[in-house]
C-alpha atoms as a PDB file:
ATOM      1  CA  MET A   1     -16.974  -3.859  53.334  1.00  0.00           C
ATOM      2  CA  THR A   2     -15.899  -3.941  49.708  1.00  0.00           C
ATOM      3  CA  VAL A   3     -12.083  -3.801  49.450  1.00  0.00           C
ATOM      4  CA  LEU A   4     -10.269  -3.319  46.180  1.00  0.00           C
ATOM      5  CA  LYS A   5      -6.524  -3.192  45.553  1.00  0.00           C
ATOM      6  CA  SER A   6      -5.637   0.258  44.293  1.00  0.00           C
ATOM      7  CA  THR A   7      -2.497   2.339  44.383  1.00  0.00           C
ATOM      8  CA  LEU A   8       0.569   3.207  46.449  1.00  0.00           C
ATOM      9  CA  CYS A   9       0.722   4.652  49.921  1.00  0.00           C
ATOM     10  CA  PRO A  10       2.428   8.078  49.746  1.00  0.00           C
ATOM     11  CA  THR A  11       3.846   7.464  53.245  1.00  0.00           C
ATOM     12  CA  CYS A  12       5.551   4.060  52.938  1.00  0.00           C
ATOM     13  CA  GLY A  13       5.062   3.117  49.276  1.00  0.00           C
ATOM     14  CA  GLY A  14       2.990   0.049  50.134  1.00  0.00           C
ATOM     15  CA  LEU A  15      -0.184  -1.029  48.343  1.00  0.00           C
ATOM     16  CA  LEU A  16      -3.392   0.617  49.525  1.00  0.00           C
ATOM     17  CA  ASP A  17      -6.789  -1.025  49.899  1.00  0.00           C
ATOM     18  CA  ILE A  18      -9.938   0.876  49.063  1.00  0.00           C
ATOM     19  CA  ASP A  19     -12.860   0.674  51.472  1.00  0.00           C
ATOM     20  CA  VAL A  20     -15.620   1.680  49.102  1.00  0.00           C
ATOM     21  CA  ASP A  21     -18.265   1.716  51.855  1.00  0.00           C
ATOM     22  CA  LYS A  22     -16.313   4.207  53.990  1.00  0.00           C
ATOM     23  CA  GLN A  23     -14.688   5.858  50.993  1.00  0.00           C
ATOM     24  CA  MET A  24     -11.307   5.496  52.652  1.00  0.00           C
ATOM     25  CA  TYR A  25      -7.880   4.255  51.563  1.00  0.00           C
ATOM     26  CA  ILE A  26      -6.109   2.039  54.091  1.00  0.00           C
ATOM     27  CA  CYS A  27      -2.442   1.042  53.942  1.00  0.00           C
ATOM     28  CA  ARG A  28      -2.028  -2.616  54.878  1.00  0.00           C
ATOM     29  CA  PHE A  29       1.628  -1.995  55.804  1.00  0.00           C
ATOM     30  CA  CYS A  30       1.810   1.184  57.916  1.00  0.00           C
ATOM     31  CA  GLY A  31      -1.877   1.461  58.830  1.00  0.00           C
ATOM     32  CA  VAL A  32      -2.293   5.027  57.572  1.00  0.00           C
ATOM     33  CA  SER A  33      -5.702   5.869  56.143  1.00  0.00           C
ATOM     34  CA  PHE A  34      -6.626   8.546  53.630  1.00  0.00           C
ATOM     35  CA  ASP A  35      -9.849  10.242  52.757  1.00  0.00           C
ATOM     36  CA  TYR A  36     -11.312   9.189  49.407  1.00  0.00           C
ATOM     37  CA  GLU A  37     -10.845  12.697  48.039  1.00  0.00           C
ATOM     38  CA  TYR A  38      -7.136  12.575  48.865  1.00  0.00           C
ATOM     39  CA  PHE A  39      -6.517  10.626  45.700  1.00  0.00           C
ATOM     40  CA  ARG A  40      -7.876  13.113  43.285  1.00  0.00           C
ATOM     41  CA  GLU A  41      -6.989  12.585  39.625  1.00  0.00           C
ATOM     42  CA  ASP A  42      -3.820  14.680  39.817  1.00  0.00           C
ATOM     43  CA  ASN A  43      -2.571  12.806  42.870  1.00  0.00           C
ATOM     44  CA  VAL A  44      -3.158   9.404  41.339  1.00  0.00           C
ATOM     45  CA  LYS A  45      -1.354  10.427  38.151  1.00  0.00           C
ATOM     46  CA  ASP A  46       1.561  11.644  40.243  1.00  0.00           C
ATOM     47  CA  VAL A  47       1.684   8.339  42.137  1.00  0.00           C
ATOM     48  CA  ALA A  48       1.543   6.380  38.871  1.00  0.00           C
ATOM     49  CA  SER A  49       4.237   8.538  37.290  1.00  0.00           C
ATOM     50  CA  LYS A  50       6.602   8.101  40.236  1.00  0.00           C
ATOM     51  CA  ALA A  51       5.976   4.350  40.346  1.00  0.00           C
ATOM     52  CA  ILE A  52       6.725   3.890  36.665  1.00  0.00           C
ATOM     53  CA  ASP A  53       9.876   6.035  37.011  1.00  0.00           C
ATOM     54  CA  ARG A  54      11.065   3.575  39.676  1.00  0.00           C
ATOM     55  CA  SER A  55      10.222   0.638  37.361  1.00  0.00           C
ATOM     56  CA  GLU A  56       7.517  -0.465  39.822  1.00  0.00           C
ATOM     57  CA  PHE A  57       5.242  -1.478  36.972  1.00  0.00           C
ATOM     58  CA  GLY A  58       2.828  -3.501  39.098  1.00  0.00           C
ATOM     59  CA  SER A  59       2.150  -0.529  41.361  1.00  0.00           C
ATOM     60  CA  ALA A  60       1.889   1.823  38.410  1.00  0.00           C
ATOM     61  CA  LYS A  61      -0.620  -0.524  36.785  1.00  0.00           C
ATOM     62  CA  ASP A  62      -2.769  -0.447  39.911  1.00  0.00           C
ATOM     63  CA  ALA A  63      -2.778   3.356  39.810  1.00  0.00           C
ATOM     64  CA  TYR A  64      -3.690   3.452  36.123  1.00  0.00           C
ATOM     65  CA  ASP A  65      -6.459   0.899  36.676  1.00  0.00           C
ATOM     66  CA  PHE A  66      -7.843   3.114  39.429  1.00  0.00           C
ATOM     67  CA  MET A  67      -7.732   6.140  37.119  1.00  0.00           C
ATOM     68  CA  LEU A  68      -9.765   4.205  34.566  1.00  0.00           C
ATOM     69  CA  THR A  69     -12.459   3.440  37.145  1.00  0.00           C
ATOM     70  CA  LYS A  70     -13.033   7.193  37.282  1.00  0.00           C
ATOM     71  CA  ASP A  71     -12.544   7.847  33.567  1.00  0.00           C
ATOM     72  CA  PRO A  72     -12.438   4.778  31.257  1.00  0.00           C
ATOM     73  CA  HIS A  73     -11.175   7.004  28.413  1.00  0.00           C
ATOM     74  CA  ASP A  74      -8.227   8.615  30.215  1.00  0.00           C
ATOM     75  CA  PHE A  75      -5.360   8.836  27.707  1.00  0.00           C
ATOM     76  CA  GLU A  76      -2.497   8.695  30.234  1.00  0.00           C
ATOM     77  CA  ALA A  77      -3.991   5.687  31.990  1.00  0.00           C
ATOM     78  CA  LEU A  78      -4.569   3.766  28.744  1.00  0.00           C
ATOM     79  CA  ARG A  79      -1.063   4.495  27.546  1.00  0.00           C
ATOM     80  CA  GLY A  80       0.290   3.793  31.020  1.00  0.00           C
ATOM     81  CA  LEU A  81      -1.150   0.272  30.980  1.00  0.00           C
ATOM     82  CA  PHE A  82       0.558  -0.285  27.629  1.00  0.00           C
ATOM     83  CA  LEU A  83       3.852   0.881  29.156  1.00  0.00           C
ATOM     84  CA  CYS A  84       3.415  -1.292  32.258  1.00  0.00           C
ATOM     85  CA  GLU A  85       2.632  -4.405  30.231  1.00  0.00           C
ATOM     86  CA  ASN A  86       5.836  -3.965  28.239  1.00  0.00           C
ATOM     87  CA  LYS A  87       7.903  -2.694  31.211  1.00  0.00           C
ATOM     88  CA  TRP A  88       8.743   0.624  29.562  1.00  0.00           C
ATOM     89  CA  LYS A  89       8.982   3.933  31.368  1.00  0.00           C
ATOM     90  CA  THR A  90       8.137   5.934  28.248  1.00  0.00           C
ATOM     91  CA  MET A  91       7.350   5.296  24.587  1.00  0.00           C
ATOM     92  CA  HIS A  92      10.933   6.158  23.608  1.00  0.00           C
ATOM     93  CA  PRO A  93      12.079   2.495  23.340  1.00  0.00           C
ATOM     94  CA  MET A  94      10.008   2.417  20.149  1.00  0.00           C
ATOM     95  CA  LEU A  95      12.787   4.501  18.578  1.00  0.00           C
ATOM     96  CA  LYS A  96      15.139   1.522  18.884  1.00  0.00           C
ATOM     97  CA  GLU A  97      13.598  -1.240  16.811  1.00  0.00           C
ATOM     98  CA  SER A  98      15.993  -3.848  18.208  1.00  0.00           C
ATOM     99  CA  VAL A  99      14.454  -3.630  21.713  1.00  0.00           C
ATOM    100  CA  VAL A 100      10.818  -3.751  20.576  1.00  0.00           C
ATOM    101  CA  HIS A 101       9.446  -7.273  21.003  1.00  0.00           C
ATOM    102  CA  ILE A 102       5.709  -6.606  20.959  1.00  0.00           C
ATOM    103  CA  THR A 103       3.209  -6.976  18.149  1.00  0.00           C
ATOM    104  CA  ALA A 104       0.364  -4.900  16.779  1.00  0.00           C
ATOM    105  CA  ASP A 105      -2.014  -7.256  18.625  1.00  0.00           C
ATOM    106  CA  ASP A 106      -0.677  -6.269  22.047  1.00  0.00           C
ATOM    107  CA  PRO A 107      -3.689  -6.552  24.430  1.00  0.00           C
ATOM    108  CA  ALA A 108      -3.044  -3.232  26.166  1.00  0.00           C
ATOM    109  CA  LEU A 109      -2.764  -1.451  22.811  1.00  0.00           C
ATOM    110  CA  LEU A 110      -6.004  -2.990  21.566  1.00  0.00           C
ATOM    111  CA  ASN A 111      -7.673  -1.961  24.831  1.00  0.00           C
ATOM    112  CA  ALA A 112      -6.444   1.600  24.369  1.00  0.00           C
ATOM    113  CA  LEU A 113      -7.768   1.684  20.804  1.00  0.00           C
ATOM    114  CA  GLU A 114     -11.144   0.405  21.944  1.00  0.00           C
ATOM    115  CA  ASN A 115     -11.597   2.774  24.906  1.00  0.00           C
ATOM    116  CA  CYS A 116      -9.771   5.968  24.011  1.00  0.00           C
ATOM    117  CA  LEU A 117     -11.489   9.206  23.026  1.00  0.00           C
ATOM    118  CA  PRO A 118     -11.882   9.916  19.283  1.00  0.00           C
ATOM    119  CA  GLU A 119      -9.219  12.652  19.423  1.00  0.00           C
ATOM    120  CA  HIS A 120      -6.683  10.138  20.785  1.00  0.00           C
ATOM    121  CA  LYS A 121      -7.512   7.290  18.433  1.00  0.00           C
ATOM    122  CA  SER A 122      -5.096   8.455  15.709  1.00  0.00           C
ATOM    123  CA  TYR A 123      -2.227   8.285  18.231  1.00  0.00           C
ATOM    124  CA  PHE A 124      -2.823   4.649  19.148  1.00  0.00           C
ATOM    125  CA  GLU A 125      -3.597   3.740  15.534  1.00  0.00           C
ATOM    126  CA  LYS A 126      -0.229   5.166  14.538  1.00  0.00           C
ATOM    127  CA  VAL A 127       1.454   3.091  17.257  1.00  0.00           C
ATOM    128  CA  ARG A 128      -0.236  -0.020  15.869  1.00  0.00           C
ATOM    129  CA  GLU A 129       0.682   0.909  12.300  1.00  0.00           C
ATOM    130  CA  SER A 130       4.328   1.296  13.299  1.00  0.00           C
ATOM    131  CA  LEU A 131       4.320  -2.152  14.949  1.00  0.00           C
ATOM    132  CA  ASN A 132       2.850  -3.681  11.794  1.00  0.00           C
ATOM    133  CA  GLU A 133       5.612  -2.011   9.779  1.00  0.00           C
ATOM    134  CA  LEU A 134       8.216  -3.326  12.212  1.00  0.00           C
ATOM    135  CA  LYS A 135       6.924  -6.859  11.645  1.00  0.00           C
ATOM    136  CA  HIS A 136       7.090  -6.288   7.885  1.00  0.00           C
ATOM    137  CA  TYR A 137      10.699  -5.100   8.244  1.00  0.00           C
ATOM    138  CA  ARG A 138      11.694  -8.190  10.215  1.00  0.00           C
ATOM    139  CA  ASP A 139       9.954 -10.473   7.717  1.00  0.00           C
ATOM    140  CA  LEU A 140      11.969  -8.810   4.943  1.00  0.00           C
ATOM    141  CA  LEU A 141      15.183  -9.381   6.895  1.00  0.00           C
ATOM    142  CA  ASP A 142      14.345 -13.070   7.282  1.00  0.00           C
ATOM    143  CA  GLU A 143      13.637 -13.378   3.568  1.00  0.00           C
ATOM    144  CA  ALA A 144      16.907 -11.589   2.746  1.00  0.00           C
ATOM    145  CA  ARG A 145      18.825 -13.998   5.003  1.00  0.00           C
ATOM    146  CA  GLU A 146      17.227 -17.018   3.331  1.00  0.00           C
ATOM    147  CA  ILE A 147      18.107 -15.663  -0.119  1.00  0.00           C
ATOM    148  CA  ASP A 148      21.659 -14.970   1.011  1.00  0.00           C
ATOM    149  CA  GLU A 149      22.032 -18.554   2.225  1.00  0.00           C
ATOM    150  CA  LYS A 150      20.799 -19.852  -1.142  1.00  0.00           C
ATOM    151  CA  LYS A 151      23.183 -17.477  -2.916  1.00  0.00           C
ATOM    152  CA  THR A 152      26.124 -18.759  -0.852  1.00  0.00           C
ATOM    153  CA  THR A 153      25.257 -22.348  -1.791  1.00  0.00           C
ATOM    154  CA  ALA A 154      24.874 -21.397  -5.472  1.00  0.00           C
ATOM    155  CA  GLU A 155      28.240 -19.611  -5.426  1.00  0.00           C
ATOM    156  CA  LYS A 156      29.935 -22.722  -4.059  1.00  0.00           C
ATOM    157  CA  VAL A 157      28.412 -24.826  -6.844  1.00  0.00           C
ATOM    158  CA  TYR A 158      29.468 -22.272  -9.459  1.00  0.00           C
ATOM    159  CA  ASP A 159      33.030 -22.121  -8.081  1.00  0.00           C
ATOM    160  CA  GLN A 160      33.235 -25.904  -8.135  1.00  0.00           C
ATOM    161  CA  ILE A 161      32.146 -25.992 -11.801  1.00  0.00           C
ATOM    162  CA  LYS A 162      34.744 -23.324 -12.686  1.00  0.00           C
ATOM    163  CA  GLN A 163      37.386 -25.375 -10.900  1.00  0.00           C
ATOM    164  CA  GLU A 164      36.386 -28.448 -12.932  1.00  0.00           C
ATOM    165  CA  TYR A 165      36.719 -26.415 -16.134  1.00  0.00           C
ATOM    166  CA  THR A 166      40.186 -25.174 -15.144  1.00  0.00           C
ATOM    167  CA  ILE A 167      41.346 -28.684 -14.277  1.00  0.00           C
ATOM    168  CA  ASN A 168      40.028 -30.073 -17.558  1.00  0.00           C
ATOM    169  CA  ALA A 169      41.670 -27.271 -19.579  1.00  0.00           C
ATOM    170  CA  SER A 170      45.058 -27.833 -17.968  1.00  0.00           C
ATOM    171  CA  ARG A 171      44.902 -31.620 -17.586  1.00  0.00           C
ATOM    172  CA  PHE A 172      48.009 -32.403 -19.689  1.00  0.00           C
ATOM    173  CA  THR A 173      49.925 -29.564 -18.060  1.00  0.00           C
ATOM    174  CA  SER A 174      48.853 -30.813 -14.658  1.00  0.00           C
ATOM    175  CA  GLN A 175      50.176 -34.283 -15.409  1.00  0.00           C
ATOM    176  CA  ILE A 176      53.537 -32.792 -16.419  1.00  0.00           C
ATOM    177  CA  GLU A 177      53.586 -30.810 -13.163  1.00  0.00           C
ATOM    178  CA  GLU A 178      52.793 -33.977 -11.205  1.00  0.00           C
ATOM    179  CA  TYR A 179      55.706 -35.687 -12.974  1.00  0.00           C
ATOM    180  CA  ARG A 180      58.020 -32.849 -12.004  1.00  0.00           C
ATOM    181  CA  GLU A 181      56.948 -33.081  -8.370  1.00  0.00           C
ATOM    182  CA  LEU A 182      57.963 -36.768  -8.175  1.00  0.00           C
ATOM    183  CA  GLU A 183      61.157 -37.822  -6.417  1.00  0.00           C
ATOM    184  CA  LYS A 184      64.244 -37.975  -8.620  1.00  0.00           C
ATOM    185  CA  GLY A 185      64.400 -41.789  -8.468  1.00  0.00           C
ATOM    186  CA  GLU A 186      60.746 -42.101  -9.507  1.00  0.00           C
ATOM    187  CA  ARG A 187      61.259 -39.697 -12.428  1.00  0.00           C
ATOM    188  CA  ASP A 188      64.295 -41.634 -13.570  1.00  0.00           C
ATOM    189  CA  ALA A 189      62.402 -44.954 -13.460  1.00  0.00           C
ATOM    190  CA  ILE A 190      59.555 -43.553 -15.528  1.00  0.00           C
ATOM    191  CA  GLY A 191      62.036 -41.980 -17.945  1.00  0.00           C
ATOM    192  CA  ILE A 192      63.817 -45.282 -18.444  1.00  0.00           C
ATOM    193  CA  VAL A 193      60.567 -47.135 -19.158  1.00  0.00           C
ATOM    194  CA  VAL A 194      59.367 -44.429 -21.546  1.00  0.00           C
ATOM    195  CA  SER A 195      62.734 -44.430 -23.373  1.00  0.00           C
ATOM    196  CA  VAL A 196      63.685 -48.107 -23.371  1.00  0.00           C
ATOM    197  CA  ILE A 197      60.402 -49.579 -24.629  1.00  0.00           C
ATOM    198  CA  PRO A 198      60.130 -47.468 -27.822  1.00  0.00           C
ATOM    199  CA  LEU A 199      63.885 -47.842 -28.458  1.00  0.00           C
ATOM    200  CA  THR A 200      63.701 -51.620 -28.151  1.00  0.00           C
ATOM    201  CA  LEU A 201      60.694 -51.812 -30.453  1.00  0.00           C
ATOM    202  CA  SER A 202      62.470 -49.596 -32.976  1.00  0.00           C
ATOM    203  CA  VAL A 203      65.580 -51.786 -32.981  1.00  0.00           C
ATOM    204  CA  VAL A 204      63.458 -54.884 -33.514  1.00  0.00           C
ATOM    205  CA  ALA A 205      61.582 -53.180 -36.339  1.00  0.00           C
ATOM    206  CA  ILE A 206      64.788 -52.102 -38.097  1.00  0.00           C
ATOM    207  CA  TRP A 207      66.373 -55.519 -37.675  1.00  0.00           C
ATOM    208  CA  SER A 208      63.325 -57.216 -39.174  1.00  0.00           C
ATOM    209  CA  HIS A 209      62.914 -54.547 -41.864  1.00  0.00           C
ATOM    210  CA  ALA A 210      59.383 -53.882 -40.569  1.00  0.00           C
ATOM    211  CA  TRP A 211      59.229 -50.208 -41.578  1.00  0.00           C
ATOM    212  CA  TRP A 212      55.452 -50.337 -41.449  1.00  0.00           C
ATOM    213  CA  PHE A 213      55.783 -50.559 -37.679  1.00  0.00           C
ATOM    214  CA  PHE A 214      56.748 -46.871 -37.477  1.00  0.00           C
ATOM    215  CA  ILE A 215      53.713 -45.927 -39.490  1.00  0.00           C
ATOM    216  CA  VAL A 216      51.500 -47.932 -37.149  1.00  0.00           C
ATOM    217  CA  VAL A 217      53.098 -46.338 -34.077  1.00  0.00           C
ATOM    218  CA  ALA A 218      52.695 -42.859 -35.568  1.00  0.00           C
ATOM    219  CA  VAL A 219      49.038 -43.553 -36.343  1.00  0.00           C
ATOM    220  CA  ILE A 220      48.449 -44.850 -32.806  1.00  0.00           C
ATOM    221  CA  ILE A 221      50.108 -41.786 -31.260  1.00  0.00           C
ATOM    222  CA  LEU A 222      48.155 -39.440 -33.518  1.00  0.00           C
ATOM    223  CA  ALA A 223      44.899 -41.227 -32.713  1.00  0.00           C
ATOM    224  CA  ALA A 224      45.667 -41.042 -28.978  1.00  0.00           C
ATOM    225  CA  VAL A 225      46.384 -37.295 -29.185  1.00  0.00           C
ATOM    226  CA  ILE A 226      43.222 -36.647 -31.206  1.00  0.00           C
ATOM    227  CA  GLY A 227      41.120 -38.826 -28.871  1.00  0.00           C
ATOM    228  CA  TYR A 228      42.581 -37.086 -25.828  1.00  0.00           C
ATOM    229  CA  ASN A 229      41.769 -33.608 -27.181  1.00  0.00           C
ATOM    230  CA  VAL A 230      38.303 -34.660 -28.354  1.00  0.00           C
ATOM    231  CA  LYS A 231      37.551 -35.993 -24.889  1.00  0.00           C
ATOM    232  CA  LYS A 232      38.775 -32.713 -23.340  1.00  0.00           C
ATOM    233  CA  ALA A 233      36.618 -30.711 -25.732  1.00  0.00           C
ATOM    234  CA  ILE A 234      33.506 -32.794 -24.973  1.00  0.00           C
ATOM    235  CA  THR A 235      34.137 -32.528 -21.233  1.00  0.00           C
ATOM    236  CA  ALA A 236      34.659 -28.767 -21.528  1.00  0.00           C
ATOM    237  CA  LYS A 237      31.407 -28.413 -23.452  1.00  0.00           C
ATOM    238  CA  ARG A 238      29.494 -30.316 -20.755  1.00  0.00           C
ATOM    239  CA  ILE A 239      31.074 -28.207 -18.035  1.00  0.00           C
ATOM    240  CA  ILE A 240      30.231 -24.967 -19.859  1.00  0.00           C
ATOM    241  CA  ALA A 241      26.635 -26.192 -20.251  1.00  0.00           C
ATOM    242  CA  ARG A 242      26.427 -26.542 -16.446  1.00  0.00           C
ATOM    243  CA  MET A 243      28.298 -23.309 -15.812  1.00  0.00           C
ATOM    244  CA  GLY A 244      25.753 -21.092 -17.602  1.00  0.00           C
ATOM    245  CA  PRO A 245      22.708 -21.903 -15.442  1.00  0.00           C
ATOM    246  CA  ALA A 246      24.840 -21.865 -12.272  1.00  0.00           C
ATOM    247  CA  LYS A 247      26.165 -18.398 -13.088  1.00  0.00           C
ATOM    248  CA  LYS A 248      22.652 -17.204 -13.935  1.00  0.00           C
ATOM    249  CA  GLU A 249      21.313 -18.512 -10.615  1.00  0.00           C
ATOM    250  CA  VAL A 250      24.022 -16.674  -8.658  1.00  0.00           C
ATOM    251  CA  ALA A 251      23.244 -13.438 -10.527  1.00  0.00           C
ATOM    252  CA  GLU A 252      19.483 -13.793  -9.957  1.00  0.00           C
ATOM    253  CA  LEU A 253      19.911 -14.530  -6.250  1.00  0.00           C
ATOM    254  CA  SER A 254      22.302 -11.583  -5.910  1.00  0.00           C
ATOM    255  CA  ASP A 255      19.715  -9.273  -7.489  1.00  0.00           C
ATOM    256  CA  MET A 256      16.954 -10.711  -5.289  1.00  0.00           C
ATOM    257  CA  HIS A 257      19.061 -10.255  -2.145  1.00  0.00           C
ATOM    258  CA  LYS A 258      19.920  -6.676  -3.080  1.00  0.00           C
ATOM    259  CA  ALA A 259      16.273  -5.851  -3.811  1.00  0.00           C
ATOM    260  CA  LYS A 260      15.043  -7.455  -0.587  1.00  0.00           C
ATOM    261  CA  SER A 261      17.724  -5.686   1.474  1.00  0.00           C
ATOM    262  CA  THR A 262      16.805  -2.352  -0.106  1.00  0.00           C
ATOM    263  CA  GLU A 263      13.136  -2.998   0.656  1.00  0.00           C
ATOM    264  CA  ALA A 264      14.036  -3.812   4.268  1.00  0.00           C
ATOM    265  CA  VAL A 265      15.953  -0.533   4.626  1.00  0.00           C
ATOM    266  CA  GLN A 266      12.970   1.383   3.247  1.00  0.00           C
ATOM    267  CA  SER A 267      10.633  -0.448   5.634  1.00  0.00           C
ATOM    268  CA  LEU A 268      12.840   0.444   8.605  1.00  0.00           C
ATOM    269  CA  GLN A 269      12.862   4.084   7.525  1.00  0.00           C
ATOM    270  CA  LYS A 270       9.071   4.022   7.293  1.00  0.00           C
ATOM    271  CA  TYR A 271       8.850   2.476  10.783  1.00  0.00           C
ATOM    272  CA  LYS A 272      11.014   5.238  12.263  1.00  0.00           C
ATOM    273  CA  GLN A 273       8.947   7.831  10.432  1.00  0.00           C
ATOM    274  CA  LEU A 274       5.735   6.411  11.927  1.00  0.00           C
ATOM    275  CA  VAL A 275       7.241   6.398  15.419  1.00  0.00           C
ATOM    276  CA  GLY A 276       8.275  10.014  14.986  1.00  0.00           C
ATOM    277  CA  GLU A 277       4.772  10.896  13.824  1.00  0.00           C
ATOM    278  CA  PHE A 278       2.925   9.428  16.808  1.00  0.00           C
ATOM    279  CA  MET A 279       5.434  10.964  19.216  1.00  0.00           C
ATOM    280  CA  ASP A 280       4.904  14.370  17.606  1.00  0.00           C
ATOM    281  CA  MET A 281       1.111  14.048  18.020  1.00  0.00           C
ATOM    282  CA  ASP A 282       1.436  12.912  21.669  1.00  0.00           C
ATOM    283  CA  PRO A 283      -1.224  14.838  23.664  1.00  0.00           C
ATOM    284  CA  VAL A 284       0.858  14.333  26.831  1.00  0.00           C
ATOM    285  CA  PRO A 285       4.535  14.420  25.673  1.00  0.00           C
ATOM    286  CA  GLN A 286       7.050  12.392  27.638  1.00  0.00           C
ATOM    287  CA  LYS A 287      10.664  13.203  28.369  1.00  0.00           C
ATOM    288  CA  ALA A 288      13.255  10.765  27.099  1.00  0.00           C
ATOM    289  CA  PRO A 289      14.794   8.764  29.948  1.00  0.00           C
ATOM    290  CA  GLU A 290      18.295   9.875  30.900  1.00  0.00           C
ATOM    291  CA  GLU A 291      21.014   7.497  29.790  1.00  0.00           C
ATOM    292  CA  LYS A 292      23.480   6.499  32.470  1.00  0.00           C
ATOM    293  CA  THR A 293      27.099   7.221  31.624  1.00  0.00           C
ATOM    294  CA  VAL A 294      29.424   4.324  32.357  1.00  0.00           C
ATOM    295  CA  ILE A 295      32.849   5.467  33.547  1.00  0.00           C
END
């Protein structure tokens, strides 16, 4: 006796064995047997449909496999195997790209493409095309995220350079502010040193009739001021030289991110369009599963 696992028992829901020699179906659980003709094509489709509605994908797969033994090109069976492999009740999950985790190389889809009738080939080809577009969309999202990360890093560098420029431009003012923030005793001590030393030197110069001393001091002060401002100007020039490329990089990365994001949106729209197209050409339309309302 040749026994093959087939479909569900309509009495108890258990798996049936097929006795090919006797052309009988025997339930291993309740013992009921059925004539071979009992499971005509319509009956098997009904069993498969009910099984998949109950999320019994293994049982539904058995029924679809049995259908294909009778007709290797049966559209519902080929699509049913695709649904069972991905644990979907209908093709409607394709409308929500976030829940689709299969690729265009899905074995059940490739099998359907290989064995379907010519009039059904465009349907499965459109399914595969939509999955390829979904992959393209996700690749674009990954590229956009990478660009955004680079842009964030570039913005931090640019902000740091701008901060350096601001500090350099207000260096003297900043030192005055730091002096003002000192404790009163510390300010007084610095004030005494700053006042007493020049006053003492001036008294000594006057007493010794060294008027040239004032000229020397003035020259030193002037040279210090000029040197200080020259140094600030040189530093500012170096900072500006770094600021230009940094600003340009931020702008370029911003444009790249915007372009890549726009391309991703267009790709997603194309994916949804493709899904809508193959659902519209469905030779055996499916009803959308009812959504449970949570109270």
